[in-house]
Amino acid sequence: MSNKLSFLTSKTCLITIVLLLFLACSNGRIGDGWSANIDRAFIQEGEGEEDIPSIDLPEFTLANQVDFLPDTSIVLGIFHEGVIKAYPLDILHWHEIVNDIVGETPIAITYSTLSGSGVAFERVSNNGIVFEMGVTGLLYNSNLIALDRISGTFWQQFLGLGVKGLRKDQVLKEFPLIEMKWSTWRLLFPNSQVLNTKTGFNRPYQTYPYGDYRTNNTKLLFDLTVPLDSLEQPISFKEKGIGITIGADTKVYPLSAFPTIGLGIIEEEFSGESVVIIGSQEHQCLAAYSSTRADGSQATFRIADANPLMIVDDRGIEYTILGNSVKQDTDTVLQPLTSKIAYWFSWAIWEYPELVPIYQ
């Protein structure tokens, strides 16, 4: 009996020592020097630094030639400097960051799988230096913390905020992204460039890496600064919503605020500005624009008669959901709002925003 007890005691001590060493290493890696805008106690280590590899030499395939995506896949889309690109979530789940150039602008396409948030950042510092972003493996409120490989700054993705390092408390310039079901994207933008699976890494891109996480409403892998059960749940915590921010005000438009079939349009005043939000449950798409034209006049919109996947303004100009004009002889574009798409719980813990009613 005494030998068995001695063995168990030794085993318990060994486990305790290993655990203490792990915690010490984690604490040492997290360290001090964090922004006062976040609670250091809730910074958590999901993976080691760069264990999730970013894609630094992205390769693309024309949308009408893509054969590796099922129709139900979701892509992040960007329209910038006349260039249209798509980044499949099937790939981003495994890499989280793509260091790309869109038009002539160095841009990092980032996707935090656990918070469901996609954000595009300019990869140019204040002094004009182009940098790459990598994955630290650290998380805050289940949200990606990215690494600037030049300055060593850590960036909290949802806020675009420097939270540690040389550029701490600075904010990155963002570009809006939209989400859309792949079958719809391919139909609308057949000549667009689509990130392909030639990433240089061997990953099972047909498999979602976190089991039932995106469908289990209350499943989280890490603690939040605000307990999940203390948050209001007017919609599923894992439902996607596009949030627009004007000044200090934020409002979220969930997918369930839009029709189950076809596109829907919400036009309203928010925080002193006229806005138009486009969405569809069928096409799994969300986008947000200002209704104010460059000349100061206010536009109104409706679904195009000839193409139910387009919207048309009161001057008869048709636009895609990316905000670009369908006509080739005009450079008219819709002005995107400051926005991002994420799971509802991500919005709730950060902003406690106003939520639009569910579609009836």
Foldseek 3Di string as FASTA:
>chain_A
DVVVVVVVVVVVVVVVVVVVVVVVVQCVVLDDFWDPVADSVQKDFQDAWCPQPAQEPWDWDQLLPDDPDDQQWKWKWAADPNAIETETVLVCLRRQWYFDATNNFTKIWGAQVQWRWTWIFTQADPVGDGWGKHFRSIAAQSFTWIATVPFRFTAGPVQQAGTGTDRHGDHTDIGDIKMWRSNVCCVVRRGHIYGDPPRVDDDPSVDRPPPCSLPPQQDHDGQHPDHPVVFDPPDGQNFKWKWFDDPLAIETETQQQFDQDFKDWDWDDDPRFTKIWIHYNVTGIIFIFGQAFPVRDGWDWDQDPVDSQWIATPVGFIDHRNQATPDPPDRGGTHGGPMMMTGNNVCCRPRVHHYDDGHD
